[in-house]
């Protein structure tokens, strides 16, 4: 379980680094920021829930965590990218 928290911390830092990189390339408004934050939140919960469930021997709960939180994270990320981030590329 300690490895999970360590890797989630590394993933959080990678997400912050990617966000700062996006700020340099794209003009992000409040809708883009909200979409990215929500996608990150769902992904973070998905990883924690699923990893914890699989580690405790509850694979059905882990699979439901992947579906319930992972799918909305992917949908939010793709929709935010297409609708709010990609059209606002800096010149």
PDB file of N, CA and C in Angstrom:
ATOM      1  N   UNK A   1       0.826  -1.185   0.000  1.00  0.00           N
ATOM      2  CA  UNK A   1       0.000   0.000   0.000  1.00  0.00           C
ATOM      3  C   UNK A   1       0.871   1.249   0.000  1.00  0.00           C
ATOM      4  N   UNK A   2       2.035   1.165   0.655  1.00  0.00           N
ATOM      5  CA  UNK A   2       2.940   2.312   0.648  1.00  0.00           C
ATOM      6  C   UNK A   2       3.430   2.629  -0.749  1.00  0.00           C
ATOM      7  N   UNK A   3       3.656   1.590  -1.560  1.00  0.00           N
ATOM      8  CA  UNK A   3       4.082   1.796  -2.949  1.00  0.00           C
ATOM      9  C   UNK A   3       3.002   2.535  -3.730  1.00  0.00           C
ATOM     10  N   UNK A   4       1.731   2.216  -3.464  1.00  0.00           N
ATOM     11  CA  UNK A   4       0.635   2.894  -4.162  1.00  0.00           C
ATOM     12  C   UNK A   4       0.669   4.390  -3.883  1.00  0.00           C
ATOM     13  N   UNK A   5       0.841   4.785  -2.616  1.00  0.00           N
ATOM     14  CA  UNK A   5       0.848   6.203  -2.284  1.00  0.00           C
ATOM     15  C   UNK A   5       2.066   6.897  -2.882  1.00  0.00           C
ATOM     16  N   UNK A   6       3.190   6.202  -2.907  1.00  0.00           N
ATOM     17  CA  UNK A   6       4.388   6.768  -3.516  1.00  0.00           C
ATOM     18  C   UNK A   6       4.177   7.008  -5.012  1.00  0.00           C
ATOM     19  N   UNK A   7       3.640   6.008  -5.698  1.00  0.00           N
ATOM     20  CA  UNK A   7       3.413   6.153  -7.138  1.00  0.00           C
ATOM     21  C   UNK A   7       2.315   7.173  -7.440  1.00  0.00           C
ATOM     22  N   UNK A   8       1.312   7.272  -6.576  1.00  0.00           N
ATOM     23  CA  UNK A   8       0.281   8.286  -6.783  1.00  0.00           C
ATOM     24  C   UNK A   8       0.853   9.688  -6.581  1.00  0.00           C
ATOM     25  N   UNK A   9       1.782   9.835  -5.659  1.00  0.00           N
ATOM     26  CA  UNK A   9       2.456  11.118  -5.479  1.00  0.00           C
ATOM     27  C   UNK A   9       3.299  11.472  -6.691  1.00  0.00           C
ATOM     28  N   UNK A  10       3.994  10.471  -7.232  1.00  0.00           N
ATOM     29  CA  UNK A  10       4.774  10.720  -8.452  1.00  0.00           C
ATOM     30  C   UNK A  10       3.855  11.071  -9.622  1.00  0.00           C
ATOM     31  N   UNK A  11       2.714  10.394  -9.707  1.00  0.00           N
ATOM     32  CA  UNK A  11       1.751  10.708 -10.758  1.00  0.00           C
ATOM     33  C   UNK A  11       1.177  12.103 -10.610  1.00  0.00           C
ATOM     34  N   UNK A  12       0.954  12.526  -9.369  1.00  0.00           N
ATOM     35  CA  UNK A  12       0.460  13.880  -9.125  1.00  0.00           C
ATOM     36  C   UNK A  12       1.484  14.913  -9.584  1.00  0.00           C
ATOM     37  N   UNK A  13       2.745  14.682  -9.260  1.00  0.00           N
ATOM     38  CA  UNK A  13       3.791  15.610  -9.700  1.00  0.00           C
ATOM     39  C   UNK A  13       3.920  15.618 -11.224  1.00  0.00           C
ATOM     40  N   UNK A  14       3.767  14.463 -11.863  1.00  0.00           N
ATOM     41  CA  UNK A  14       3.796  14.404 -13.331  1.00  0.00           C
ATOM     42  C   UNK A  14       2.614  15.175 -13.921  1.00  0.00           C
ATOM     43  N   UNK A  15       1.444  15.078 -13.279  1.00  0.00           N
ATOM     44  CA  UNK A  15       0.274  15.817 -13.752  1.00  0.00           C
ATOM     45  C   UNK A  15       0.476  17.319 -13.606  1.00  0.00           C
ATOM     46  N   UNK A  16       1.079  17.746 -12.500  1.00  0.00           N
ATOM     47  CA  UNK A  16       1.358  19.172 -12.307  1.00  0.00           C
ATOM     48  C   UNK A  16       2.360  19.651 -13.347  1.00  0.00           C
ATOM     49  N   UNK A  17       3.374  18.852 -13.614  1.00  0.00           N
ATOM     50  CA  UNK A  17       4.366  19.199 -14.619  1.00  0.00           C
ATOM     51  C   UNK A  17       3.721  19.311 -16.004  1.00  0.00           C
ATOM     52  N   UNK A  18       2.834  18.379 -16.335  1.00  0.00           N
ATOM     53  CA  UNK A  18       2.135  18.425 -17.625  1.00  0.00           C
ATOM     54  C   UNK A  18       1.232  19.657 -17.702  1.00  0.00           C
ATOM     55  N   UNK A  19       0.581  20.015 -16.590  1.00  0.00           N
ATOM     56  CA  UNK A  19      -0.284  21.190 -16.564  1.00  0.00           C
ATOM     57  C   UNK A  19       0.522  22.461 -16.803  1.00  0.00           C
ATOM     58  N   UNK A  20       1.670  22.569 -16.170  1.00  0.00           N
ATOM     59  CA  UNK A  20       2.530  23.745 -16.375  1.00  0.00           C
ATOM     60  C   UNK A  20       3.003  23.804 -17.820  1.00  0.00           C
ATOM     61  N   UNK A  21       3.301  22.640 -18.400  1.00  0.00           N
ATOM     62  CA  UNK A  21       3.696  22.594 -19.807  1.00  0.00           C
ATOM     63  C   UNK A  21       2.544  23.031 -20.724  1.00  0.00           C
ATOM     64  N   UNK A  22       1.323  22.620 -20.386  1.00  0.00           N
ATOM     65  CA  UNK A  22       0.154  23.043 -21.162  1.00  0.00           C
ATOM     66  C   UNK A  22      -0.053  24.550 -21.076  1.00  0.00           C
ATOM     67  N   UNK A  23       0.212  25.134 -19.902  1.00  0.00           N
ATOM     68  CA  UNK A  23       0.062  26.578 -19.750  1.00  0.00           C
ATOM     69  C   UNK A  23       0.994  27.341 -20.684  1.00  0.00           C
ATOM     70  N   UNK A  24       2.136  26.765 -20.998  1.00  0.00           N
ATOM     71  CA  UNK A  24       3.068  27.422 -21.896  1.00  0.00           C
ATOM     72  C   UNK A  24       2.667  27.336 -23.362  1.00  0.00           C
ATOM     73  N   UNK A  25       1.869  26.351 -23.717  1.00  0.00           N
ATOM     74  CA  UNK A  25       1.507  26.130 -25.124  1.00  0.00           C
ATOM     75  C   UNK A  25       0.091  26.549 -25.483  1.00  0.00           C
ATOM     76  N   UNK A  26      -0.801  26.560 -24.493  1.00  0.00           N
ATOM     77  CA  UNK A  26      -2.211  26.831 -24.755  1.00  0.00           C
ATOM     78  C   UNK A  26      -2.728  27.893 -23.793  1.00  0.00           C
ATOM     79  N   UNK A  27      -3.720  28.629 -24.251  1.00  0.00           N
ATOM     80  CA  UNK A  27      -4.422  29.604 -23.419  1.00  0.00           C
ATOM     81  C   UNK A  27      -5.562  28.853 -22.743  1.00  0.00           C
ATOM     82  N   UNK A  28      -5.433  28.609 -21.437  1.00  0.00           N
ATOM     83  CA  UNK A  28      -6.432  27.832 -20.710  1.00  0.00           C
ATOM     84  C   UNK A  28      -7.392  28.760 -19.984  1.00  0.00           C
ATOM     85  N   UNK A  29      -8.678  28.626 -20.276  1.00  0.00           N
ATOM     86  CA  UNK A  29      -9.686  29.404 -19.572  1.00  0.00           C
ATOM     87  C   UNK A  29     -10.232  28.568 -18.406  1.00  0.00           C
ATOM     88  N   UNK A  30     -11.249  29.069 -17.745  1.00  0.00           N
ATOM     89  CA  UNK A  30     -11.767  28.391 -16.564  1.00  0.00           C
ATOM     90  C   UNK A  30     -12.391  27.054 -16.910  1.00  0.00           C
ATOM     91  N   UNK A  31     -12.983  26.926 -18.117  1.00  0.00           N
ATOM     92  CA  UNK A  31     -13.598  25.662 -18.497  1.00  0.00           C
ATOM     93  C   UNK A  31     -12.538  24.581 -18.727  1.00  0.00           C
ATOM     94  N   UNK A  32     -11.426  24.956 -19.326  1.00  0.00           N
ATOM     95  CA  UNK A  32     -10.340  24.001 -19.530  1.00  0.00           C
ATOM     96  C   UNK A  32      -9.734  23.580 -18.195  1.00  0.00           C
ATOM     97  N   UNK A  33      -9.532  24.543 -17.303  1.00  0.00           N
ATOM     98  CA  UNK A  33      -8.981  24.222 -15.986  1.00  0.00           C
ATOM     99  C   UNK A  33      -9.918  23.316 -15.193  1.00  0.00           C
ATOM    100  N   UNK A  34     -11.205  23.609 -15.239  1.00  0.00           N
ATOM    101  CA  UNK A  34     -12.185  22.793 -14.528  1.00  0.00           C
ATOM    102  C   UNK A  34     -12.217  21.375 -15.089  1.00  0.00           C
ATOM    103  N   UNK A  35     -12.208  21.242 -16.410  1.00  0.00           N
ATOM    104  CA  UNK A  35     -12.214  19.918 -17.035  1.00  0.00           C
ATOM    105  C   UNK A  35     -10.970  19.111 -16.696  1.00  0.00           C
ATOM    106  N   UNK A  36      -9.800  19.762 -16.737  1.00  0.00           N
ATOM    107  CA  UNK A  36      -8.564  19.064 -16.396  1.00  0.00           C
ATOM    108  C   UNK A  36      -8.537  18.660 -14.931  1.00  0.00           C
ATOM    109  N   UNK A  37      -8.969  19.554 -14.047  1.00  0.00           N
ATOM    110  CA  UNK A  37      -8.987  19.244 -12.620  1.00  0.00           C
ATOM    111  C   UNK A  37      -9.951  18.101 -12.312  1.00  0.00           C
ATOM    112  N   UNK A  38     -11.126  18.127 -12.929  1.00  0.00           N
ATOM    113  CA  UNK A  38     -12.107  17.058 -12.703  1.00  0.00           C
ATOM    114  C   UNK A  38     -11.587  15.721 -13.243  1.00  0.00           C
ATOM    115  N   UNK A  39     -10.969  15.740 -14.422  1.00  0.00           N
ATOM    116  CA  UNK A  39     -10.414  14.507 -14.987  1.00  0.00           C
ATOM    117  C   UNK A  39      -9.313  13.956 -14.096  1.00  0.00           C
ATOM    118  N   UNK A  40      -8.446  14.835 -13.575  1.00  0.00           N
ATOM    119  CA  UNK A  40      -7.399  14.386 -12.673  1.00  0.00           C
ATOM    120  C   UNK A  40      -7.988  13.802 -11.391  1.00  0.00           C
ATOM    121  N   UNK A  41      -9.004  14.456 -10.854  1.00  0.00           N
ATOM    122  CA  UNK A  41      -9.636  13.962  -9.631  1.00  0.00           C
ATOM    123  C   UNK A  41     -10.244  12.579  -9.818  1.00  0.00           C
ATOM    124  N   UNK A  42     -10.977  12.395 -10.907  1.00  0.00           N
ATOM    125  CA  UNK A  42     -11.555  11.083 -11.182  1.00  0.00           C
ATOM    126  C   UNK A  42     -10.468  10.032 -11.399  1.00  0.00           C
ATOM    127  N   UNK A  43      -9.399  10.390 -12.111  1.00  0.00           N
ATOM    128  CA  UNK A  43      -8.309   9.438 -12.348  1.00  0.00           C
ATOM    129  C   UNK A  43      -7.613   9.070 -11.046  1.00  0.00           C
ATOM    130  N   UNK A  44      -7.418  10.049 -10.171  1.00  0.00           N
ATOM    131  CA  UNK A  44      -6.754   9.798  -8.894  1.00  0.00           C
ATOM    132  C   UNK A  44      -7.590   8.862  -8.026  1.00  0.00           C
ATOM    133  N   UNK A  45      -8.892   9.104  -7.966  1.00  0.00           N
ATOM    134  CA  UNK A  45      -9.787   8.228  -7.207  1.00  0.00           C
ATOM    135  C   UNK A  45      -9.824   6.844  -7.835  1.00  0.00           C
ATOM    136  N   UNK A  46      -9.839   6.778  -9.160  1.00  0.00           N
ATOM    137  CA  UNK A  46      -9.859   5.499  -9.866  1.00  0.00           C
ATOM    138  C   UNK A  46      -8.644   4.653  -9.515  1.00  0.00           C
ATOM    139  N   UNK A  47      -7.472   5.252  -9.560  1.00  0.00           N
ATOM    140  CA  UNK A  47      -6.248   4.505  -9.266  1.00  0.00           C
ATOM    141  C   UNK A  47      -6.238   4.046  -7.810  1.00  0.00           C
ATOM    142  N   UNK A  48      -6.561   4.941  -6.894  1.00  0.00           N
ATOM    143  CA  UNK A  48      -6.565   4.585  -5.478  1.00  0.00           C
ATOM    144  C   UNK A  48      -7.585   3.504  -5.145  1.00  0.00           C
ATOM    145  N   UNK A  49      -8.785   3.670  -5.644  1.00  0.00           N
ATOM    146  CA  UNK A  49      -9.859   2.710  -5.367  1.00  0.00           C
ATOM    147  C   UNK A  49      -9.509   1.347  -5.949  1.00  0.00           C
ATOM    148  N   UNK A  50      -9.113   1.322  -7.204  1.00  0.00           N
ATOM    149  CA  UNK A  50      -8.857   0.055  -7.882  1.00  0.00           C
ATOM    150  C   UNK A  50      -7.652  -0.661  -7.285  1.00  0.00           C
ATOM    151  N   UNK A  51      -6.568   0.061  -7.072  1.00  0.00           N
ATOM    152  CA  UNK A  51      -5.375  -0.566  -6.520  1.00  0.00           C
ATOM    153  C   UNK A  51      -5.650  -1.107  -5.119  1.00  0.00           C
ATOM    154  N   UNK A  52      -6.323  -0.313  -4.298  1.00  0.00           N
ATOM    155  CA  UNK A  52      -6.664  -0.764  -2.956  1.00  0.00           C
ATOM    156  C   UNK A  52      -7.577  -1.979  -2.966  1.00  0.00           C
ATOM    157  N   UNK A  53      -8.545  -1.991  -3.857  1.00  0.00           N
ATOM    158  CA  UNK A  53      -9.467  -3.121  -3.935  1.00  0.00           C
ATOM    159  C   UNK A  53      -8.756  -4.388  -4.392  1.00  0.00           C
ATOM    160  N   UNK A  54      -7.900  -4.264  -5.404  1.00  0.00           N
ATOM    161  CA  UNK A  54      -7.166  -5.437  -5.870  1.00  0.00           C
ATOM    162  C   UNK A  54      -6.189  -5.927  -4.803  1.00  0.00           C
ATOM    163  N   UNK A  55      -5.575  -5.014  -4.066  1.00  0.00           N
ATOM    164  CA  UNK A  55      -4.632  -5.402  -3.018  1.00  0.00           C
ATOM    165  C   UNK A  55      -5.345  -6.112  -1.864  1.00  0.00           C
ATOM    166  N   UNK A  56      -6.594  -5.748  -1.599  1.00  0.00           N
ATOM    167  CA  UNK A  56      -7.355  -6.379  -0.519  1.00  0.00           C
ATOM    168  C   UNK A  56      -8.063  -7.645  -0.977  1.00  0.00           C
ATOM    169  N   UNK A  57      -7.904  -8.023  -2.233  1.00  0.00           N
ATOM    170  CA  UNK A  57      -8.521  -9.251  -2.729  1.00  0.00           C
ATOM    171  C   UNK A  57      -9.974  -9.095  -3.138  1.00  0.00           C
ATOM    172  N   UNK A  58     -10.357  -7.919  -3.542  1.00  0.00           N
ATOM    173  CA  UNK A  58     -11.722  -7.652  -3.996  1.00  0.00           C
ATOM    174  C   UNK A  58     -11.688  -7.205  -5.458  1.00  0.00           C
ATOM    175  N   UNK A  59     -11.470  -8.135  -6.400  1.00  0.00           N
ATOM    176  CA  UNK A  59     -11.320  -7.726  -7.799  1.00  0.00           C
ATOM    177  C   UNK A  59     -12.589  -7.137  -8.416  1.00  0.00           C
ATOM    178  N   UNK A  60     -13.761  -7.549  -7.947  1.00  0.00           N
ATOM    179  CA  UNK A  60     -14.995  -7.008  -8.507  1.00  0.00           C
ATOM    180  C   UNK A  60     -15.144  -5.528  -8.143  1.00  0.00           C
ATOM    181  N   UNK A  61     -14.802  -5.181  -6.917  1.00  0.00           N
ATOM    182  CA  UNK A  61     -14.844  -3.781  -6.503  1.00  0.00           C
ATOM    183  C   UNK A  61     -13.809  -2.964  -7.278  1.00  0.00           C
ATOM    184  N   UNK A  62     -12.629  -3.540  -7.519  1.00  0.00           N
ATOM    185  CA  UNK A  62     -11.602  -2.852  -8.298  1.00  0.00           C
ATOM    186  C   UNK A  62     -12.049  -2.590  -9.724  1.00  0.00           C
ATOM    187  N   UNK A  63     -12.710  -3.587 -10.315  1.00  0.00           N
ATOM    188  CA  UNK A  63     -13.206  -3.413 -11.685  1.00  0.00           C
ATOM    189  C   UNK A  63     -14.297  -2.344 -11.739  1.00  0.00           C
ATOM    190  N   UNK A  64     -15.158  -2.316 -10.729  1.00  0.00           N
ATOM    191  CA  UNK A  64     -16.195  -1.274 -10.692  1.00  0.00           C
ATOM    192  C   UNK A  64     -15.574   0.104 -10.502  1.00  0.00           C
ATOM    193  N   UNK A  65     -14.485   0.179  -9.737  1.00  0.00           N
ATOM    194  CA  UNK A  65     -13.788   1.460  -9.590  1.00  0.00           C
ATOM    195  C   UNK A  65     -13.202   1.929 -10.908  1.00  0.00           C
ATOM    196  N   UNK A  66     -12.660   0.985 -11.679  1.00  0.00           N
ATOM    197  CA  UNK A  66     -12.121   1.347 -12.996  1.00  0.00           C
ATOM    198  C   UNK A  66     -13.216   1.878 -13.914  1.00  0.00           C
ATOM    199  N   UNK A  67     -14.363   1.227 -13.891  1.00  0.00           N
ATOM    200  CA  UNK A  67     -15.461   1.658 -14.760  1.00  0.00           C
ATOM    201  C   UNK A  67     -16.087   2.956 -14.252  1.00  0.00           C
ATOM    202  N   UNK A  68     -16.339   3.020 -12.945  1.00  0.00           N
ATOM    203  CA  UNK A  68     -17.069   4.157 -12.377  1.00  0.00           C
ATOM    204  C   UNK A  68     -16.262   5.447 -12.355  1.00  0.00           C
ATOM    205  N   UNK A  69     -14.946   5.337 -12.189  1.00  0.00           N
ATOM    206  CA  UNK A  69     -14.123   6.542 -12.092  1.00  0.00           C
ATOM    207  C   UNK A  69     -13.165   6.699 -13.263  1.00  0.00           C
ATOM    208  N   UNK A  70     -12.694   5.604 -13.831  1.00  0.00           N
ATOM    209  CA  UNK A  70     -11.750   5.689 -14.939  1.00  0.00           C
ATOM    210  C   UNK A  70     -12.385   6.165 -16.235  1.00  0.00           C
ATOM    211  N   UNK A  71     -13.568   5.643 -16.522  1.00  0.00           N
ATOM    212  CA  UNK A  71     -14.253   6.043 -17.754  1.00  0.00           C
ATOM    213  C   UNK A  71     -14.639   7.524 -17.750  1.00  0.00           C
ATOM    214  N   UNK A  72     -15.223   8.053 -16.669  1.00  0.00           N
ATOM    215  CA  UNK A  72     -15.485   9.496 -16.659  1.00  0.00           C
ATOM    216  C   UNK A  72     -14.213  10.340 -16.756  1.00  0.00           C
ATOM    217  N   UNK A  73     -13.115   9.850 -16.177  1.00  0.00           N
ATOM    218  CA  UNK A  73     -11.851  10.584 -16.280  1.00  0.00           C
ATOM    219  C   UNK A  73     -11.406  10.683 -17.725  1.00  0.00           C
ATOM    220  N   UNK A  74     -11.470   9.579 -18.445  1.00  0.00           N
ATOM    221  CA  UNK A  74     -11.077   9.598 -19.861  1.00  0.00           C
ATOM    222  C   UNK A  74     -12.003  10.474 -20.695  1.00  0.00           C
ATOM    223  N   UNK A  75     -13.296  10.374 -20.444  1.00  0.00           N
ATOM    224  CA  UNK A  75     -14.258  11.179 -21.205  1.00  0.00           C
ATOM    225  C   UNK A  75     -14.040  12.666 -20.934  1.00  0.00           C
ATOM    226  N   UNK A  76     -13.872  13.040 -19.675  1.00  0.00           N
ATOM    227  CA  UNK A  76     -13.633  14.448 -19.341  1.00  0.00           C
ATOM    228  C   UNK A  76     -12.339  14.963 -19.954  1.00  0.00           C
ATOM    229  N   UNK A  77     -11.289  14.162 -19.925  1.00  0.00           N
ATOM    230  CA  UNK A  77     -10.015  14.583 -20.484  1.00  0.00           C
ATOM    231  C   UNK A  77     -10.117  14.796 -21.991  1.00  0.00           C
ATOM    232  N   UNK A  78     -10.722  13.850 -22.683  1.00  0.00           N
ATOM    233  CA  UNK A  78     -10.841  13.966 -24.143  1.00  0.00           C
ATOM    234  C   UNK A  78     -11.746  15.135 -24.529  1.00  0.00           C
ATOM    235  N   UNK A  79     -12.879  15.271 -23.843  1.00  0.00           N
ATOM    236  CA  UNK A  79     -13.798  16.362 -24.176  1.00  0.00           C
ATOM    237  C   UNK A  79     -13.169  17.724 -23.867  1.00  0.00           C
ATOM    238  N   UNK A  80     -12.469  17.836 -22.743  1.00  0.00           N
ATOM    239  CA  UNK A  80     -11.811  19.100 -22.409  1.00  0.00           C
ATOM    240  C   UNK A  80     -10.733  19.425 -23.424  1.00  0.00           C
ATOM    241  N   UNK A  81      -9.986  18.412 -23.845  1.00  0.00           N
ATOM    242  CA  UNK A  81      -8.918  18.628 -24.818  1.00  0.00           C
ATOM    243  C   UNK A  81      -9.490  19.116 -26.148  1.00  0.00           C
ATOM    244  N   UNK A  82     -10.527  18.456 -26.627  1.00  0.00           N
ATOM    245  CA  UNK A  82     -11.082  18.800 -27.931  1.00  0.00           C
ATOM    246  C   UNK A  82     -11.839  20.125 -27.919  1.00  0.00           C
ATOM    247  N   UNK A  83     -12.602  20.388 -26.879  1.00  0.00           N
ATOM    248  CA  UNK A  83     -13.491  21.556 -26.868  1.00  0.00           C
ATOM    249  C   UNK A  83     -12.850  22.830 -26.320  1.00  0.00           C
ATOM    250  N   UNK A  84     -11.980  22.698 -25.311  1.00  0.00           N
ATOM    251  CA  UNK A  84     -11.516  23.890 -24.622  1.00  0.00           C
ATOM    252  C   UNK A  84     -10.014  24.163 -24.728  1.00  0.00           C
ATOM    253  N   UNK A  85      -9.209  23.137 -24.985  1.00  0.00           N
ATOM    254  CA  UNK A  85      -7.766  23.325 -24.974  1.00  0.00           C
ATOM    255  C   UNK A  85      -7.210  23.464 -26.390  1.00  0.00           C
ATOM    256  N   UNK A  86      -7.486  22.506 -27.242  1.00  0.00           N
ATOM    257  CA  UNK A  86      -6.911  22.485 -28.588  1.00  0.00           C
ATOM    258  C   UNK A  86      -7.245  23.719 -29.426  1.00  0.00           C
ATOM    259  N   UNK A  87      -8.481  24.249 -29.368  1.00  0.00           N
ATOM    260  CA  UNK A  87      -8.763  25.455 -30.164  1.00  0.00           C
ATOM    261  C   UNK A  87      -8.030  26.715 -29.681  1.00  0.00           C
ATOM    262  N   UNK A  88      -7.476  26.722 -28.493  1.00  0.00           N
ATOM    263  CA  UNK A  88      -6.856  27.918 -27.921  1.00  0.00           C
ATOM    264  C   UNK A  88      -5.344  27.837 -27.908  1.00  0.00           C
ATOM    265  N   UNK A  89      -4.754  27.331 -28.982  1.00  0.00           N
ATOM    266  CA  UNK A  89      -3.294  27.227 -29.049  1.00  0.00           C
ATOM    267  C   UNK A  89      -2.695  28.610 -29.201  1.00  0.00           C
ATOM    268  N   UNK A  90      -1.592  28.864 -28.451  1.00  0.00           N
ATOM    269  CA  UNK A  90      -0.910  30.150 -28.537  1.00  0.00           C
ATOM    270  C   UNK A  90      -0.154  30.222 -29.855  1.00  0.00           C
ATOM    271  N   UNK A  91      -0.050  31.410 -30.383  1.00  0.00           N
ATOM    272  CA  UNK A  91       0.627  31.594 -31.669  1.00  0.00           C
ATOM    273  C   UNK A  91       2.127  31.552 -31.544  1.00  0.00           C
TER     274      UNK A  91
END
